[in-house]
All heavy atoms as atom14 arrays in JSON, in Angstrom:
{
  "sequence": "YLYLVLLLSFCSLTLAAQEKVQLPEIAKELKQMRDEDQKLRNK",
  "atom14_mask": [
    [1, 1, 1, 1, 1, 1, 1, 1, 1, 1, 1, 1, 0, 0],
    [1, 1, 1, 1, 1, 1, 1, 1, 0, 0, 0, 0, 0, 0],
    [1, 1, 1, 1, 1, 1, 1, 1, 1, 1, 1, 1, 0, 0],
    [1, 1, 1, 1, 1, 1, 1, 1, 0, 0, 0, 0, 0, 0],
    [1, 1, 1, 1, 1, 1, 1, 0, 0, 0, 0, 0, 0, 0],
    [1, 1, 1, 1, 1, 1, 1, 1, 0, 0, 0, 0, 0, 0],
    [1, 1, 1, 1, 1, 1, 1, 1, 0, 0, 0, 0, 0, 0],
    [1, 1, 1, 1, 1, 1, 1, 1, 0, 0, 0, 0, 0, 0],
    [1, 1, 1, 1, 1, 1, 0, 0, 0, 0, 0, 0, 0, 0],
    [1, 1, 1, 1, 1, 1, 1, 1, 1, 1, 1, 0, 0, 0],
    [1, 1, 1, 1, 1, 1, 0, 0, 0, 0, 0, 0, 0, 0],
    [1, 1, 1, 1, 1, 1, 0, 0, 0, 0, 0, 0, 0, 0],
    [1, 1, 1, 1, 1, 1, 1, 1, 0, 0, 0, 0, 0, 0],
    [1, 1, 1, 1, 1, 1, 1, 0, 0, 0, 0, 0, 0, 0],
    [1, 1, 1, 1, 1, 1, 1, 1, 0, 0, 0, 0, 0, 0],
    [1, 1, 1, 1, 1, 0, 0, 0, 0, 0, 0, 0, 0, 0],
    [1, 1, 1, 1, 1, 0, 0, 0, 0, 0, 0, 0, 0, 0],
    [1, 1, 1, 1, 1, 1, 1, 1, 1, 0, 0, 0, 0, 0],
    [1, 1, 1, 1, 1, 1, 1, 1, 1, 0, 0, 0, 0, 0],
    [1, 1, 1, 1, 1, 1, 1, 1, 1, 0, 0, 0, 0, 0],
    [1, 1, 1, 1, 1, 1, 1, 0, 0, 0, 0, 0, 0, 0],
    [1, 1, 1, 1, 1, 1, 1, 1, 1, 0, 0, 0, 0, 0],
    [1, 1, 1, 1, 1, 1, 1, 1, 0, 0, 0, 0, 0, 0],
    [1, 1, 1, 1, 1, 1, 1, 0, 0, 0, 0, 0, 0, 0],
    [1, 1, 1, 1, 1, 1, 1, 1, 1, 0, 0, 0, 0, 0],
    [1, 1, 1, 1, 1, 1, 1, 1, 0, 0, 0, 0, 0, 0],
    [1, 1, 1, 1, 1, 0, 0, 0, 0, 0, 0, 0, 0, 0],
    [1, 1, 1, 1, 1, 1, 1, 1, 1, 0, 0, 0, 0, 0],
    [1, 1, 1, 1, 1, 1, 1, 1, 1, 0, 0, 0, 0, 0],
    [1, 1, 1, 1, 1, 1, 1, 1, 0, 0, 0, 0, 0, 0],
    [1, 1, 1, 1, 1, 1, 1, 1, 1, 0, 0, 0, 0, 0],
    [1, 1, 1, 1, 1, 1, 1, 1, 1, 0, 0, 0, 0, 0],
    [1, 1, 1, 1, 1, 1, 1, 1, 0, 0, 0, 0, 0, 0],
    [1, 1, 1, 1, 1, 1, 1, 1, 1, 1, 1, 0, 0, 0],
    [1, 1, 1, 1, 1, 1, 1, 1, 0, 0, 0, 0, 0, 0],
    [1, 1, 1, 1, 1, 1, 1, 1, 1, 0, 0, 0, 0, 0],
    [1, 1, 1, 1, 1, 1, 1, 1, 0, 0, 0, 0, 0, 0],
    [1, 1, 1, 1, 1, 1, 1, 1, 1, 0, 0, 0, 0, 0],
    [1, 1, 1, 1, 1, 1, 1, 1, 1, 0, 0, 0, 0, 0],
    [1, 1, 1, 1, 1, 1, 1, 1, 0, 0, 0, 0, 0, 0],
    [1, 1, 1, 1, 1, 1, 1, 1, 1, 1, 1, 0, 0, 0],
    [1, 1, 1, 1, 1, 1, 1, 1, 0, 0, 0, 0, 0, 0],
    [1, 1, 1, 1, 1, 1, 1, 1, 1, 0, 0, 0, 0, 0]
  ],
  "atom14_positions": [
    [[0.8, -1.2, -0.1], [-0.02, 0.01, 0.0], [0.83, 1.31, 0.03], [0.6, 2.18, -0.73], [-0.89, -0.05, 1.23], [-1.73, 1.21, 1.35], [-2.85, 1.42, 0.52], [-1.41, 2.25, 2.26], [-3.59, 2.64, 0.69], [-2.19, 3.38, 2.32], [-3.23, 3.52, 1.6], [-4.01, 4.69, 1.63], [0.0, 0.0, 0.0], [0.0, 0.0, 0.0]],
    [[1.95, 1.24, 0.8], [2.9, 2.36, 0.87], [3.56, 2.56, -0.44], [3.66, 3.72, -0.89], [3.94, 2.1, 2.05], [4.99, 3.26, 2.16], [4.28, 4.5, 2.57], [5.98, 2.83, 3.28], [0.0, 0.0, 0.0], [0.0, 0.0, 0.0], [0.0, 0.0, 0.0], [0.0, 0.0, 0.0], [0.0, 0.0, 0.0], [0.0, 0.0, 0.0]],
    [[3.92, 1.5, -1.08], [4.61, 1.55, -2.34], [3.65, 2.28, -3.34], [4.06, 3.07, -4.12], [5.03, 0.21, -2.88], [5.54, 0.24, -4.29], [6.84, 0.63, -4.58], [4.65, -0.25, -5.31], [7.32, 0.62, -5.91], [5.13, -0.22, -6.57], [6.44, 0.22, -6.89], [6.88, 0.21, -8.16], [0.0, 0.0, 0.0], [0.0, 0.0, 0.0]],
    [[2.35, 1.88, -3.36], [1.4, 2.3, -4.34], [1.19, 3.81, -4.02], [1.04, 4.67, -5.05], [0.02, 1.61, -4.12], [-1.07, 2.09, -5.02], [-0.73, 1.89, -6.5], [-2.38, 1.32, -4.79], [0.0, 0.0, 0.0], [0.0, 0.0, 0.0], [0.0, 0.0, 0.0], [0.0, 0.0, 0.0], [0.0, 0.0, 0.0], [0.0, 0.0, 0.0]],
    [[1.08, 4.3, -2.75], [0.96, 5.64, -2.46], [2.08, 6.53, -3.02], [1.93, 7.57, -3.66], [0.81, 5.91, -0.92], [0.81, 7.39, -0.54], [-0.52, 5.37, -0.42], [0.0, 0.0, 0.0], [0.0, 0.0, 0.0], [0.0, 0.0, 0.0], [0.0, 0.0, 0.0], [0.0, 0.0, 0.0], [0.0, 0.0, 0.0], [0.0, 0.0, 0.0]],
    [[3.37, 5.93, -2.76], [4.55, 6.68, -3.24], [4.57, 6.78, -4.75], [4.96, 7.79, -5.41], [5.86, 6.03, -2.66], [6.16, 6.11, -1.2], [7.26, 5.13, -0.84], [6.38, 7.47, -0.83], [0.0, 0.0, 0.0], [0.0, 0.0, 0.0], [0.0, 0.0, 0.0], [0.0, 0.0, 0.0], [0.0, 0.0, 0.0], [0.0, 0.0, 0.0]],
    [[4.18, 5.72, -5.43], [4.18, 5.69, -6.79], [3.16, 6.68, -7.37], [3.46, 7.44, -8.29], [3.79, 4.24, -7.37], [3.74, 4.15, -8.91], [5.11, 4.46, -9.44], [3.32, 2.7, -9.23], [0.0, 0.0, 0.0], [0.0, 0.0, 0.0], [0.0, 0.0, 0.0], [0.0, 0.0, 0.0], [0.0, 0.0, 0.0], [0.0, 0.0, 0.0]],
    [[1.94, 6.76, -6.79], [1.0, 7.77, -7.21], [1.45, 9.09, -6.96], [1.19, 10.05, -7.8], [-0.37, 7.49, -6.51], [-1.04, 6.17, -6.91], [-2.34, 6.03, -5.97], [-1.53, 6.31, -8.42], [0.0, 0.0, 0.0], [0.0, 0.0, 0.0], [0.0, 0.0, 0.0], [0.0, 0.0, 0.0], [0.0, 0.0, 0.0], [0.0, 0.0, 0.0]],
    [[2.2, 9.31, -5.88], [2.64, 10.65, -5.52], [3.72, 11.04, -6.57], [3.73, 12.25, -7.1], [3.27, 10.62, -4.06], [2.29, 10.35, -3.14], [0.0, 0.0, 0.0], [0.0, 0.0, 0.0], [0.0, 0.0, 0.0], [0.0, 0.0, 0.0], [0.0, 0.0, 0.0], [0.0, 0.0, 0.0], [0.0, 0.0, 0.0], [0.0, 0.0, 0.0]],
    [[4.56, 10.18, -6.93], [5.63, 10.42, -7.93], [5.04, 10.77, -9.3], [5.43, 11.72, -9.94], [6.54, 9.18, -8.07], [7.62, 9.32, -9.14], [8.75, 10.13, -8.97], [7.36, 8.76, -10.34], [9.64, 10.33, -9.95], [8.36, 8.84, -11.42], [9.48, 9.73, -11.13], [0.0, 0.0, 0.0], [0.0, 0.0, 0.0], [0.0, 0.0, 0.0]],
    [[4.07, 9.97, -9.65], [3.36, 10.26, -10.86], [2.65, 11.61, -10.97], [2.7, 12.29, -11.94], [2.33, 9.22, -11.26], [3.1, 7.53, -11.55], [0.0, 0.0, 0.0], [0.0, 0.0, 0.0], [0.0, 0.0, 0.0], [0.0, 0.0, 0.0], [0.0, 0.0, 0.0], [0.0, 0.0, 0.0], [0.0, 0.0, 0.0], [0.0, 0.0, 0.0]],
    [[2.11, 11.94, -9.79], [1.42, 13.22, -9.62], [2.41, 14.42, -9.84], [2.14, 15.38, -10.48], [0.63, 13.39, -8.38], [-0.41, 12.34, -8.32], [0.0, 0.0, 0.0], [0.0, 0.0, 0.0], [0.0, 0.0, 0.0], [0.0, 0.0, 0.0], [0.0, 0.0, 0.0], [0.0, 0.0, 0.0], [0.0, 0.0, 0.0], [0.0, 0.0, 0.0]],
    [[3.65, 14.21, -9.14], [4.61, 15.27, -9.28], [5.19, 15.41, -10.63], [5.4, 16.49, -11.13], [5.72, 14.87, -8.33], [5.38, 15.1, -6.76], [6.67, 14.51, -5.88], [5.23, 16.54, -6.47], [0.0, 0.0, 0.0], [0.0, 0.0, 0.0], [0.0, 0.0, 0.0], [0.0, 0.0, 0.0], [0.0, 0.0, 0.0], [0.0, 0.0, 0.0]],
    [[5.36, 14.23, -11.38], [5.84, 14.24, -12.67], [4.85, 14.95, -13.63], [5.22, 15.73, -14.5], [6.04, 12.8, -13.29], [6.98, 12.14, -12.33], [6.6, 12.77, -14.58], [0.0, 0.0, 0.0], [0.0, 0.0, 0.0], [0.0, 0.0, 0.0], [0.0, 0.0, 0.0], [0.0, 0.0, 0.0], [0.0, 0.0, 0.0], [0.0, 0.0, 0.0]],
    [[3.56, 14.63, -13.5], [2.56, 15.26, -14.29], [2.51, 16.8, -13.98], [2.33, 17.59, -14.95], [1.23, 14.65, -14.0], [1.0, 13.15, -14.59], [-0.34, 12.58, -14.08], [1.0, 13.21, -16.18], [0.0, 0.0, 0.0], [0.0, 0.0, 0.0], [0.0, 0.0, 0.0], [0.0, 0.0, 0.0], [0.0, 0.0, 0.0], [0.0, 0.0, 0.0]],
    [[2.65, 17.12, -12.76], [2.54, 18.59, -12.42], [3.77, 19.28, -12.99], [3.65, 20.36, -13.5], [2.63, 18.6, -10.87], [0.0, 0.0, 0.0], [0.0, 0.0, 0.0], [0.0, 0.0, 0.0], [0.0, 0.0, 0.0], [0.0, 0.0, 0.0], [0.0, 0.0, 0.0], [0.0, 0.0, 0.0], [0.0, 0.0, 0.0], [0.0, 0.0, 0.0]],
    [[4.93, 18.58, -13.0], [6.14, 19.24, -13.58], [5.94, 19.4, -15.06], [6.3, 20.41, -15.62], [7.27, 18.41, -13.38], [0.0, 0.0, 0.0], [0.0, 0.0, 0.0], [0.0, 0.0, 0.0], [0.0, 0.0, 0.0], [0.0, 0.0, 0.0], [0.0, 0.0, 0.0], [0.0, 0.0, 0.0], [0.0, 0.0, 0.0], [0.0, 0.0, 0.0]],
    [[5.36, 18.45, -15.8], [5.05, 18.57, -17.17], [4.08, 19.61, -17.43], [4.18, 20.43, -18.53], [4.59, 17.2, -17.73], [5.7, 16.15, -17.81], [5.11, 14.8, -18.22], [3.95, 14.63, -18.28], [6.02, 13.95, -18.58], [0.0, 0.0, 0.0], [0.0, 0.0, 0.0], [0.0, 0.0, 0.0], [0.0, 0.0, 0.0], [0.0, 0.0, 0.0]],
    [[3.1, 19.82, -16.55], [2.02, 20.82, -16.71], [2.59, 22.22, -16.58], [1.99, 23.18, -17.04], [0.83, 20.68, -15.83], [0.1, 19.42, -16.21], [-0.9, 19.06, -15.09], [-1.02, 19.81, -14.06], [-1.72, 18.16, -15.22], [0.0, 0.0, 0.0], [0.0, 0.0, 0.0], [0.0, 0.0, 0.0], [0.0, 0.0, 0.0], [0.0, 0.0, 0.0]],
    [[3.86, 22.42, -15.96], [4.41, 23.74, -15.81], [4.85, 24.3, -17.1], [5.05, 25.51, -17.12], [5.53, 23.62, -14.78], [5.04, 23.35, -13.37], [6.24, 23.31, -12.38], [5.72, 23.12, -10.92], [6.87, 22.97, -9.92], [0.0, 0.0, 0.0], [0.0, 0.0, 0.0], [0.0, 0.0, 0.0], [0.0, 0.0, 0.0], [0.0, 0.0, 0.0]],
    [[5.17, 23.49, -18.05], [5.64, 23.92, -19.33], [4.55, 23.61, -20.38], [3.85, 22.61, -20.27], [7.03, 23.41, -19.71], [8.12, 23.76, -18.74], [6.92, 21.85, -19.84], [0.0, 0.0, 0.0], [0.0, 0.0, 0.0], [0.0, 0.0, 0.0], [0.0, 0.0, 0.0], [0.0, 0.0, 0.0], [0.0, 0.0, 0.0], [0.0, 0.0, 0.0]],
    [[4.49, 24.51, -21.34], [3.55, 24.25, -22.35], [3.85, 23.2, -23.48], [2.9, 22.75, -24.14], [3.12, 25.67, -23.08], [2.6, 26.69, -22.0], [2.5, 28.16, -22.6], [2.25, 28.22, -23.87], [2.7, 29.08, -21.86], [0.0, 0.0, 0.0], [0.0, 0.0, 0.0], [0.0, 0.0, 0.0], [0.0, 0.0, 0.0], [0.0, 0.0, 0.0]],
    [[5.19, 23.04, -23.63], [5.55, 22.2, -24.75], [6.55, 21.12, -24.17], [7.73, 21.13, -24.49], [6.26, 22.97, -25.83], [5.4, 24.08, -26.52], [6.27, 24.87, -27.38], [4.26, 23.39, -27.22], [0.0, 0.0, 0.0], [0.0, 0.0, 0.0], [0.0, 0.0, 0.0], [0.0, 0.0, 0.0], [0.0, 0.0, 0.0], [0.0, 0.0, 0.0]],
    [[6.06, 20.19, -23.32], [6.92, 19.19, -22.71], [7.73, 18.26, -23.75], [8.84, 17.99, -23.48], [6.05, 18.41, -21.83], [4.58, 18.55, -22.37], [4.61, 19.93, -22.97], [0.0, 0.0, 0.0], [0.0, 0.0, 0.0], [0.0, 0.0, 0.0], [0.0, 0.0, 0.0], [0.0, 0.0, 0.0], [0.0, 0.0, 0.0], [0.0, 0.0, 0.0]],
    [[7.1, 18.0, -24.84], [7.74, 17.15, -25.89], [8.8, 17.95, -26.59], [9.93, 17.29, -26.86], [6.67, 16.58, -26.88], [5.71, 15.65, -26.32], [6.4, 14.44, -25.66], [7.23, 13.9, -26.32], [6.04, 14.07, -24.55], [0.0, 0.0, 0.0], [0.0, 0.0, 0.0], [0.0, 0.0, 0.0], [0.0, 0.0, 0.0], [0.0, 0.0, 0.0]],
    [[8.59, 19.15, -26.84], [9.67, 19.99, -27.36], [10.86, 20.16, -26.42], [12.02, 20.11, -26.82], [9.18, 21.47, -27.77], [8.08, 21.31, -28.84], [10.25, 22.23, -28.23], [8.6, 20.75, -30.19], [0.0, 0.0, 0.0], [0.0, 0.0, 0.0], [0.0, 0.0, 0.0], [0.0, 0.0, 0.0], [0.0, 0.0, 0.0], [0.0, 0.0, 0.0]],
    [[10.45, 20.3, -25.1], [11.56, 20.39, -24.09], [12.4, 19.18, -24.0], [13.65, 19.22, -23.99], [10.88, 20.53, -22.7], [0.0, 0.0, 0.0], [0.0, 0.0, 0.0], [0.0, 0.0, 0.0], [0.0, 0.0, 0.0], [0.0, 0.0, 0.0], [0.0, 0.0, 0.0], [0.0, 0.0, 0.0], [0.0, 0.0, 0.0], [0.0, 0.0, 0.0]],
    [[11.7, 17.98, -24.21], [12.47, 16.67, -24.17], [13.35, 16.67, -25.45], [14.59, 16.19, -25.41], [11.46, 15.52, -24.13], [12.08, 14.21, -24.18], [11.04, 13.11, -24.11], [11.66, 11.71, -24.15], [10.6, 10.67, -24.08], [0.0, 0.0, 0.0], [0.0, 0.0, 0.0], [0.0, 0.0, 0.0], [0.0, 0.0, 0.0], [0.0, 0.0, 0.0]],
    [[12.84, 17.0, -26.66], [13.55, 17.0, -27.88], [14.77, 17.93, -27.77], [15.94, 17.53, -28.33], [12.67, 17.38, -29.0], [13.29, 17.27, -30.34], [12.36, 17.62, -31.49], [11.18, 18.02, -31.21], [12.8, 17.54, -32.62], [0.0, 0.0, 0.0], [0.0, 0.0, 0.0], [0.0, 0.0, 0.0], [0.0, 0.0, 0.0], [0.0, 0.0, 0.0]],
    [[14.64, 19.09, -27.18], [15.82, 20.01, -27.08], [16.88, 19.38, -26.18], [18.07, 19.66, -26.53], [15.28, 21.36, -26.49], [14.45, 22.22, -27.43], [13.85, 23.4, -26.69], [15.33, 22.77, -28.56], [0.0, 0.0, 0.0], [0.0, 0.0, 0.0], [0.0, 0.0, 0.0], [0.0, 0.0, 0.0], [0.0, 0.0, 0.0], [0.0, 0.0, 0.0]],
    [[16.55, 18.8, -25.19], [17.56, 18.04, -24.41], [18.37, 16.99, -25.17], [19.53, 16.9, -25.06], [16.84, 17.44, -23.18], [17.93, 16.74, -22.2], [17.38, 16.16, -21.01], [18.42, 15.55, -20.1], [19.22, 14.65, -20.77], [0.0, 0.0, 0.0], [0.0, 0.0, 0.0], [0.0, 0.0, 0.0], [0.0, 0.0, 0.0], [0.0, 0.0, 0.0]],
    [[17.5, 16.29, -25.97], [18.18, 15.23, -26.81], [19.08, 15.71, -27.83], [20.3, 15.31, -27.99], [17.09, 14.41, -27.49], [16.27, 13.49, -26.5], [15.1, 12.88, -27.25], [14.71, 13.31, -28.35], [14.54, 11.86, -26.63], [0.0, 0.0, 0.0], [0.0, 0.0, 0.0], [0.0, 0.0, 0.0], [0.0, 0.0, 0.0], [0.0, 0.0, 0.0]],
    [[18.72, 16.99, -28.38], [19.58, 17.58, -29.33], [20.84, 18.14, -28.66], [21.94, 18.01, -29.21], [18.81, 18.75, -29.91], [17.69, 18.32, -30.82], [16.42, 19.61, -31.17], [17.29, 20.79, -32.19], [0.0, 0.0, 0.0], [0.0, 0.0, 0.0], [0.0, 0.0, 0.0], [0.0, 0.0, 0.0], [0.0, 0.0, 0.0], [0.0, 0.0, 0.0]],
    [[20.71, 18.66, -27.48], [21.81, 19.17, -26.78], [22.83, 18.02, -26.32], [24.05, 18.28, -26.5], [21.35, 19.98, -25.54], [22.4, 20.56, -24.61], [22.74, 19.71, -23.39], [23.74, 20.31, -22.59], [24.43, 19.66, -21.68], [24.26, 18.32, -21.56], [25.41, 20.25, -20.96], [0.0, 0.0, 0.0], [0.0, 0.0, 0.0], [0.0, 0.0, 0.0]],
    [[22.26, 16.97, -25.91], [23.12, 15.88, -25.45], [24.01, 15.37, -26.65], [25.13, 15.06, -26.48], [22.22, 14.69, -24.87], [21.63, 15.06, -23.61], [22.04, 16.04, -22.91], [20.7, 14.3, -23.16], [0.0, 0.0, 0.0], [0.0, 0.0, 0.0], [0.0, 0.0, 0.0], [0.0, 0.0, 0.0], [0.0, 0.0, 0.0], [0.0, 0.0, 0.0]],
    [[23.31, 15.18, -27.81], [24.1, 14.72, -28.94], [25.19, 15.82, -29.32], [26.27, 15.42, -29.66], [23.08, 14.59, -30.18], [23.88, 14.12, -31.47], [24.23, 12.73, -31.42], [24.06, 12.04, -30.4], [24.92, 12.25, -32.4], [0.0, 0.0, 0.0], [0.0, 0.0, 0.0], [0.0, 0.0, 0.0], [0.0, 0.0, 0.0], [0.0, 0.0, 0.0]],
    [[24.88, 17.11, -29.3], [25.73, 18.12, -29.55], [27.06, 18.0, -28.7], [28.15, 18.08, -29.1], [25.05, 19.51, -29.35], [26.04, 20.68, -29.4], [26.95, 20.82, -28.58], [25.88, 21.43, -30.37], [0.0, 0.0, 0.0], [0.0, 0.0, 0.0], [0.0, 0.0, 0.0], [0.0, 0.0, 0.0], [0.0, 0.0, 0.0], [0.0, 0.0, 0.0]],
    [[26.78, 17.89, -27.36], [27.86, 17.86, -26.37], [28.65, 16.51, -26.5], [29.9, 16.51, -26.38], [27.28, 18.03, -25.02], [26.78, 19.38, -24.67], [27.87, 20.46, -24.86], [28.6, 20.63, -23.97], [27.89, 21.25, -25.94], [0.0, 0.0, 0.0], [0.0, 0.0, 0.0], [0.0, 0.0, 0.0], [0.0, 0.0, 0.0], [0.0, 0.0, 0.0]],
    [[28.09, 15.44, -26.82], [28.73, 14.19, -26.83], [29.77, 14.22, -27.99], [30.93, 13.91, -27.82], [27.71, 12.99, -27.12], [28.38, 11.67, -27.28], [27.36, 10.51, -27.44], [26.68, 10.63, -28.87], [25.87, 9.51, -29.13], [0.0, 0.0, 0.0], [0.0, 0.0, 0.0], [0.0, 0.0, 0.0], [0.0, 0.0, 0.0], [0.0, 0.0, 0.0]],
    [[29.31, 14.68, -29.24], [30.19, 14.76, -30.35], [31.27, 15.85, -30.17], [32.43, 15.48, -30.48], [29.38, 15.06, -31.65], [28.43, 13.98, -32.04], [27.48, 14.53, -33.21], [29.1, 12.65, -32.53], [0.0, 0.0, 0.0], [0.0, 0.0, 0.0], [0.0, 0.0, 0.0], [0.0, 0.0, 0.0], [0.0, 0.0, 0.0], [0.0, 0.0, 0.0]],
    [[30.95, 16.92, -29.52], [31.92, 17.95, -29.41], [33.08, 17.53, -28.4], [34.2, 17.75, -28.65], [31.35, 19.26, -28.93], [30.83, 20.11, -30.04], [30.31, 21.53, -29.66], [30.24, 22.43, -30.8], [29.4, 22.27, -31.8], [28.56, 21.21, -31.88], [29.43, 23.1, -32.86], [0.0, 0.0, 0.0], [0.0, 0.0, 0.0], [0.0, 0.0, 0.0]],
    [[32.56, 16.97, -27.39], [33.6, 16.45, -26.33], [34.49, 15.36, -26.94], [35.72, 15.45, -26.6], [32.86, 15.93, -25.13], [32.19, 17.03, -24.34], [32.47, 18.17, -24.36], [31.11, 16.61, -23.49], [0.0, 0.0, 0.0], [0.0, 0.0, 0.0], [0.0, 0.0, 0.0], [0.0, 0.0, 0.0], [0.0, 0.0, 0.0], [0.0, 0.0, 0.0]],
    [[34.05, 14.5, -27.75], [34.82, 13.48, -28.32], [35.88, 14.3, -29.37], [37.02, 13.73, -29.41], [33.97, 12.53, -29.03], [33.26, 11.52, -28.27], [32.49, 10.51, -29.08], [31.7, 9.46, -28.3], [31.0, 8.5, -29.13], [0.0, 0.0, 0.0], [0.0, 0.0, 0.0], [0.0, 0.0, 0.0], [0.0, 0.0, 0.0], [0.0, 0.0, 0.0]]
  ]
}
């Protein structure tokens, strides 16, 4: 029961964080683009 409560709380926090920005998918894509940029440049 405790695990279920924690899981639901985590999901709620995640959804709340996503709701704070209007374009969460674009935000995710920008991070992926940045990670690729830095990986190649560092190498």
